[in-house]
Amino acid sequence: RLGPARPVFGLGLVGQTDTNAYVSSPVSFSLSLGFNLGERASVQWRHFSNAGLEQPNLGQDMLLLRWQF
């Protein structure tokens, strides 16, 4: 059963050992927005970017869906 939607916001610092064409710096930032739908489900959009510290700075987006059984 789904409950009321509660907004979720997140901002963080990310360190990584592998880089790629989208996130070309070992230091990047994470921004996330979404909704918790009760205790068992959530939907969230997450964006990783190096905020222009190095080029290219394309960023990488993910759509995360969670359902707990």
Protein backbone atom coordinates (compact mmCIF):
# COMPACT_ATOMS: atom_id res chain seq x y z
CA ARG A 1 0.00 0.00 0.00
CA LEU A 2 1.33 3.42 -0.94
CA GLY A 3 1.21 6.25 1.53
CA PRO A 4 1.21 10.03 1.10
CA ALA A 5 3.96 11.46 -1.11
CA ARG A 6 6.69 13.24 0.85
CA PRO A 7 9.26 15.30 -1.06
CA VAL A 8 12.96 14.38 -0.80
CA PHE A 9 15.92 16.63 -1.61
CA GLY A 10 19.61 15.76 -1.47
CA LEU A 11 22.92 17.44 -2.19
CA GLY A 12 26.27 15.74 -1.74
CA LEU A 13 29.94 15.56 -2.57
CA VAL A 14 31.12 12.47 -4.49
CA GLY A 15 34.64 11.06 -4.82
CA GLN A 16 35.30 8.47 -7.50
CA THR A 17 38.27 6.61 -8.92
CA ASP A 18 36.91 6.16 -12.46
CA THR A 19 35.91 9.04 -14.70
CA ASN A 20 34.04 9.03 -18.00
CA ALA A 21 32.88 11.42 -20.72
CA TYR A 22 29.94 12.57 -18.56
CA VAL A 23 31.71 13.06 -15.22
CA SER A 24 35.33 13.87 -16.05
CA SER A 25 36.62 14.78 -12.59
CA PRO A 26 37.40 12.57 -9.57
CA VAL A 27 35.42 15.07 -7.47
CA SER A 28 31.80 15.72 -8.39
CA PHE A 29 28.51 16.73 -6.84
CA SER A 30 25.19 14.92 -6.55
CA LEU A 31 21.80 16.58 -6.63
CA SER A 32 18.64 14.53 -6.06
CA LEU A 33 14.94 15.29 -6.04
CA GLY A 34 12.07 12.90 -5.58
CA PHE A 35 9.21 11.56 -3.50
CA ASN A 36 8.88 8.88 -0.87
CA LEU A 37 5.55 7.17 -1.42
CA GLY A 38 4.96 5.76 2.04
CA GLU A 39 7.46 3.37 3.64
CA ARG A 40 7.78 0.98 0.70
CA ALA A 41 8.21 2.99 -2.48
CA SER A 42 10.05 6.00 -3.82
CA VAL A 43 10.90 7.69 -7.09
CA GLN A 44 13.97 9.89 -7.40
CA TRP A 45 15.91 11.79 -10.07
CA ARG A 46 19.66 12.07 -9.41
CA HIS A 47 22.20 14.21 -11.27
CA PHE A 48 25.99 13.92 -11.00
CA SER A 49 28.17 16.77 -12.26
CA ASN A 50 31.63 18.20 -11.61
CA ALA A 51 30.16 21.74 -11.61
CA GLY A 52 32.62 22.88 -14.28
CA LEU A 53 35.78 21.92 -12.35
CA GLU A 54 37.05 20.11 -15.46
CA GLN A 55 35.87 19.88 -19.07
CA PRO A 56 33.84 18.27 -20.51
CA ASN A 57 31.11 18.75 -17.94
CA LEU A 58 28.15 16.92 -19.45
CA GLY A 59 26.80 15.46 -16.22
CA GLN A 60 25.00 12.17 -15.73
CA ASP A 61 21.32 11.67 -14.83
CA MET A 62 19.53 8.69 -13.31
CA LEU A 63 15.91 7.88 -12.57
CA LEU A 64 15.68 5.64 -9.51
CA LEU A 65 12.58 3.62 -8.63
CA ARG A 66 12.35 1.65 -5.37
CA TRP A 67 9.79 -0.85 -4.16
CA GLN A 68 10.37 -2.80 -0.95
CA PHE A 69 8.74 -6.24 -0.67
